[in-house]
Amino acid sequence: MTNAPSDRAPQRAAYTVDTAAEGLVRLHFFLPRRQVAAARFILEGYDHLGVQSSAPGSSHVTWTVPAGLRADAESLLGSLLSNINQ
């Protein structure tokens, strides 16, 4: 039996939000590792919506977005998560 890393995202709340700095919020969520790059590509398609970060090999993803665009980012993230989990 091997202990190969799983490609499945941990079962957690869809995402959490915290304050990054004055005027910025961070949305934290988990994706299957094979989907992390796709999420970055999608976010980058929405110019100036936010910046994605994640540690190499991690399924924990953070989007940092301006507080004024939080609703847009949450809408995009909700759509992304529902499509990935289908």
N, C-alpha and C. Protein backbone atom coordinates (compact mmCIF):
# COMPACT_ATOMS: atom_id res chain seq x y z
N MET A 1 0.84 -1.18 0.00
CA MET A 1 0.00 0.00 0.00
C MET A 1 0.89 1.24 0.00
N THR A 2 0.61 2.18 -0.89
CA THR A 2 1.41 3.40 -0.95
C THR A 2 0.63 4.56 -0.37
N ASN A 3 1.33 5.57 0.03
CA ASN A 3 0.72 6.77 0.57
C ASN A 3 0.81 7.90 -0.46
N ALA A 4 0.33 7.64 -1.65
CA ALA A 4 0.36 8.64 -2.71
C ALA A 4 -0.54 9.81 -2.33
N PRO A 5 -0.12 11.03 -2.64
CA PRO A 5 -0.96 12.17 -2.32
C PRO A 5 -2.26 12.12 -3.10
N SER A 6 -3.31 12.52 -2.47
CA SER A 6 -4.62 12.52 -3.11
C SER A 6 -4.78 13.79 -3.94
N ASP A 7 -5.48 13.69 -5.05
CA ASP A 7 -5.76 14.85 -5.88
C ASP A 7 -7.12 15.45 -5.54
N ARG A 8 -7.76 14.90 -4.54
CA ARG A 8 -9.06 15.41 -4.14
C ARG A 8 -8.88 16.53 -3.14
N ALA A 9 -9.68 17.56 -3.28
CA ALA A 9 -9.64 18.68 -2.34
C ALA A 9 -10.24 18.23 -1.02
N PRO A 10 -9.72 18.73 0.09
CA PRO A 10 -10.29 18.40 1.39
C PRO A 10 -11.74 18.88 1.46
N GLN A 11 -12.58 18.14 2.16
CA GLN A 11 -13.97 18.53 2.31
C GLN A 11 -14.06 19.63 3.37
N ARG A 12 -14.36 20.83 2.94
CA ARG A 12 -14.46 21.99 3.83
C ARG A 12 -15.54 22.89 3.31
N ALA A 13 -15.76 24.01 4.02
CA ALA A 13 -16.70 25.01 3.55
C ALA A 13 -16.26 25.46 2.16
N ALA A 14 -17.20 25.91 1.36
CA ALA A 14 -16.89 26.31 -0.02
C ALA A 14 -15.74 27.32 -0.05
N TYR A 15 -15.80 28.34 0.79
CA TYR A 15 -14.70 29.30 0.89
C TYR A 15 -14.88 30.14 2.15
N THR A 16 -13.81 30.76 2.57
CA THR A 16 -13.85 31.69 3.69
C THR A 16 -13.28 33.02 3.22
N VAL A 17 -13.62 34.08 3.95
CA VAL A 17 -13.19 35.43 3.58
C VAL A 17 -12.57 36.08 4.81
N ASP A 18 -11.44 36.79 4.59
CA ASP A 18 -10.86 37.60 5.65
C ASP A 18 -10.33 38.90 5.05
N THR A 19 -9.98 39.83 5.92
CA THR A 19 -9.45 41.11 5.47
C THR A 19 -7.95 41.00 5.28
N ALA A 20 -7.47 41.41 4.10
CA ALA A 20 -6.05 41.33 3.79
C ALA A 20 -5.33 42.60 4.23
N ALA A 21 -5.85 43.73 3.90
CA ALA A 21 -5.29 45.04 4.21
C ALA A 21 -6.39 46.05 3.94
N GLU A 22 -6.10 47.28 4.17
CA GLU A 22 -7.08 48.33 3.91
C GLU A 22 -7.57 48.24 2.47
N GLY A 23 -8.86 47.96 2.31
CA GLY A 23 -9.45 47.92 0.99
C GLY A 23 -9.30 46.60 0.24
N LEU A 24 -8.73 45.58 0.87
CA LEU A 24 -8.55 44.27 0.22
C LEU A 24 -9.15 43.16 1.08
N VAL A 25 -9.69 42.16 0.42
CA VAL A 25 -10.17 40.96 1.11
C VAL A 25 -9.54 39.74 0.44
N ARG A 26 -9.45 38.66 1.21
CA ARG A 26 -8.92 37.40 0.68
C ARG A 26 -10.01 36.35 0.74
N LEU A 27 -10.17 35.63 -0.34
CA LEU A 27 -11.09 34.49 -0.40
C LEU A 27 -10.23 33.23 -0.41
N HIS A 28 -10.43 32.38 0.56
CA HIS A 28 -9.65 31.13 0.70
C HIS A 28 -10.55 29.96 0.34
N PHE A 29 -10.03 29.05 -0.47
CA PHE A 29 -10.80 27.88 -0.86
C PHE A 29 -9.85 26.76 -1.26
N PHE A 30 -10.39 25.58 -1.45
CA PHE A 30 -9.60 24.42 -1.83
C PHE A 30 -10.10 23.88 -3.17
N LEU A 31 -9.16 23.47 -4.00
CA LEU A 31 -9.45 22.87 -5.31
C LEU A 31 -8.61 21.61 -5.46
N PRO A 32 -9.06 20.71 -6.32
CA PRO A 32 -8.15 19.62 -6.69
C PRO A 32 -6.90 20.26 -7.30
N ARG A 33 -5.74 19.75 -6.97
CA ARG A 33 -4.49 20.38 -7.44
C ARG A 33 -4.44 20.55 -8.95
N ARG A 34 -5.02 19.63 -9.68
CA ARG A 34 -4.99 19.74 -11.15
C ARG A 34 -5.82 20.92 -11.65
N GLN A 35 -6.66 21.51 -10.80
CA GLN A 35 -7.53 22.63 -11.20
C GLN A 35 -6.99 24.00 -10.78
N VAL A 36 -5.91 24.03 -10.01
CA VAL A 36 -5.39 25.31 -9.50
C VAL A 36 -4.97 26.23 -10.64
N ALA A 37 -4.27 25.71 -11.61
CA ALA A 37 -3.82 26.54 -12.75
C ALA A 37 -5.01 27.04 -13.56
N ALA A 38 -6.03 26.22 -13.72
CA ALA A 38 -7.22 26.64 -14.46
C ALA A 38 -7.92 27.79 -13.74
N ALA A 39 -7.98 27.73 -12.41
CA ALA A 39 -8.60 28.82 -11.64
C ALA A 39 -7.83 30.12 -11.84
N ARG A 40 -6.50 30.04 -11.85
CA ARG A 40 -5.68 31.24 -12.08
C ARG A 40 -5.97 31.82 -13.47
N PHE A 41 -6.06 30.95 -14.46
CA PHE A 41 -6.35 31.38 -15.83
C PHE A 41 -7.70 32.09 -15.90
N ILE A 42 -8.69 31.53 -15.25
CA ILE A 42 -10.03 32.14 -15.25
C ILE A 42 -10.00 33.50 -14.55
N LEU A 43 -9.37 33.58 -13.38
CA LEU A 43 -9.30 34.85 -12.66
C LEU A 43 -8.57 35.90 -13.47
N GLU A 44 -7.48 35.52 -14.12
CA GLU A 44 -6.71 36.48 -14.92
C GLU A 44 -7.51 36.98 -16.11
N GLY A 45 -8.51 36.22 -16.54
CA GLY A 45 -9.37 36.66 -17.64
C GLY A 45 -10.24 37.83 -17.26
N TYR A 46 -10.40 38.06 -15.97
CA TYR A 46 -11.17 39.20 -15.47
C TYR A 46 -10.18 40.25 -14.99
N ASP A 47 -9.69 41.07 -15.92
CA ASP A 47 -8.65 42.05 -15.63
C ASP A 47 -8.94 42.84 -14.35
N HIS A 48 -7.97 42.91 -13.49
CA HIS A 48 -8.00 43.72 -12.27
C HIS A 48 -9.01 43.24 -11.23
N LEU A 49 -9.56 42.02 -11.39
CA LEU A 49 -10.48 41.52 -10.38
C LEU A 49 -9.73 41.06 -9.14
N GLY A 50 -8.60 40.43 -9.31
CA GLY A 50 -7.85 39.97 -8.16
C GLY A 50 -6.60 39.23 -8.56
N VAL A 51 -5.89 38.75 -7.52
CA VAL A 51 -4.65 38.02 -7.70
C VAL A 51 -4.78 36.69 -6.97
N GLN A 52 -4.36 35.61 -7.62
CA GLN A 52 -4.41 34.29 -7.01
C GLN A 52 -3.04 33.91 -6.48
N SER A 53 -3.03 33.25 -5.34
CA SER A 53 -1.79 32.70 -4.80
C SER A 53 -2.07 31.31 -4.22
N SER A 54 -1.05 30.48 -4.27
CA SER A 54 -1.11 29.15 -3.66
C SER A 54 0.32 28.63 -3.55
N ALA A 55 0.54 27.80 -2.56
CA ALA A 55 1.87 27.19 -2.40
C ALA A 55 2.02 26.07 -3.42
N PRO A 56 3.23 25.86 -3.92
CA PRO A 56 3.44 24.77 -4.89
C PRO A 56 2.95 23.44 -4.33
N GLY A 57 2.16 22.74 -5.13
CA GLY A 57 1.65 21.43 -4.74
C GLY A 57 0.49 21.45 -3.77
N SER A 58 0.02 22.64 -3.41
CA SER A 58 -1.06 22.77 -2.44
C SER A 58 -2.41 22.89 -3.13
N SER A 59 -3.45 22.44 -2.47
CA SER A 59 -4.80 22.61 -2.99
C SER A 59 -5.48 23.83 -2.35
N HIS A 60 -4.80 24.51 -1.42
CA HIS A 60 -5.33 25.72 -0.80
C HIS A 60 -5.02 26.91 -1.70
N VAL A 61 -6.05 27.62 -2.12
CA VAL A 61 -5.93 28.74 -3.04
C VAL A 61 -6.47 29.99 -2.37
N THR A 62 -5.82 31.12 -2.62
CA THR A 62 -6.27 32.41 -2.09
C THR A 62 -6.41 33.40 -3.24
N TRP A 63 -7.54 34.06 -3.29
CA TRP A 63 -7.73 35.18 -4.20
C TRP A 63 -7.74 36.44 -3.34
N THR A 64 -6.91 37.40 -3.67
CA THR A 64 -6.91 38.69 -3.00
C THR A 64 -7.55 39.68 -3.96
N VAL A 65 -8.64 40.32 -3.49
CA VAL A 65 -9.42 41.21 -4.36
C VAL A 65 -9.72 42.52 -3.64
N PRO A 66 -9.92 43.60 -4.40
CA PRO A 66 -10.35 44.85 -3.79
C PRO A 66 -11.72 44.65 -3.14
N ALA A 67 -11.91 45.23 -1.97
CA ALA A 67 -13.17 45.06 -1.24
C ALA A 67 -14.37 45.48 -2.08
N GLY A 68 -14.22 46.47 -2.92
CA GLY A 68 -15.31 46.92 -3.77
C GLY A 68 -15.70 45.92 -4.84
N LEU A 69 -14.84 44.97 -5.13
CA LEU A 69 -15.12 43.94 -6.14
C LEU A 69 -15.41 42.57 -5.51
N ARG A 70 -15.58 42.56 -4.19
CA ARG A 70 -15.80 41.30 -3.49
C ARG A 70 -17.01 40.54 -4.03
N ALA A 71 -18.12 41.22 -4.25
CA ALA A 71 -19.32 40.55 -4.75
C ALA A 71 -19.07 39.90 -6.11
N ASP A 72 -18.36 40.59 -6.99
CA ASP A 72 -18.03 40.02 -8.30
C ASP A 72 -17.13 38.79 -8.15
N ALA A 73 -16.14 38.90 -7.27
CA ALA A 73 -15.22 37.78 -7.07
C ALA A 73 -15.95 36.58 -6.46
N GLU A 74 -16.84 36.83 -5.50
CA GLU A 74 -17.59 35.74 -4.90
C GLU A 74 -18.52 35.07 -5.91
N SER A 75 -19.10 35.86 -6.78
CA SER A 75 -19.95 35.30 -7.82
C SER A 75 -19.15 34.41 -8.76
N LEU A 76 -18.00 34.90 -9.20
CA LEU A 76 -17.13 34.11 -10.07
C LEU A 76 -16.65 32.85 -9.36
N LEU A 77 -16.26 32.98 -8.10
CA LEU A 77 -15.77 31.83 -7.34
C LEU A 77 -16.88 30.80 -7.15
N GLY A 78 -18.09 31.25 -6.85
CA GLY A 78 -19.21 30.32 -6.69
C GLY A 78 -19.46 29.52 -7.96
N SER A 79 -19.40 30.20 -9.10
CA SER A 79 -19.58 29.53 -10.39
C SER A 79 -18.44 28.55 -10.64
N LEU A 80 -17.22 28.97 -10.37
CA LEU A 80 -16.05 28.12 -10.55
C LEU A 80 -16.17 26.85 -9.70
N LEU A 81 -16.48 27.02 -8.41
CA LEU A 81 -16.57 25.87 -7.52
C LEU A 81 -17.71 24.94 -7.91
N SER A 82 -18.83 25.48 -8.33
CA SER A 82 -19.95 24.59 -8.71
C SER A 82 -19.63 23.82 -9.98
N ASN A 83 -18.91 24.43 -10.91
CA ASN A 83 -18.54 23.72 -12.15
C ASN A 83 -17.48 22.66 -11.90
N ILE A 84 -16.55 22.93 -11.01
CA ILE A 84 -15.50 21.96 -10.70
C ILE A 84 -16.06 20.77 -9.95
N ASN A 85 -17.04 21.00 -9.09
CA ASN A 85 -17.59 19.93 -8.25
C ASN A 85 -18.67 19.12 -8.95
N GLN A 86 -18.91 19.35 -10.23
CA GLN A 86 -19.93 18.58 -10.95
C GLN A 86 -19.40 17.25 -11.36
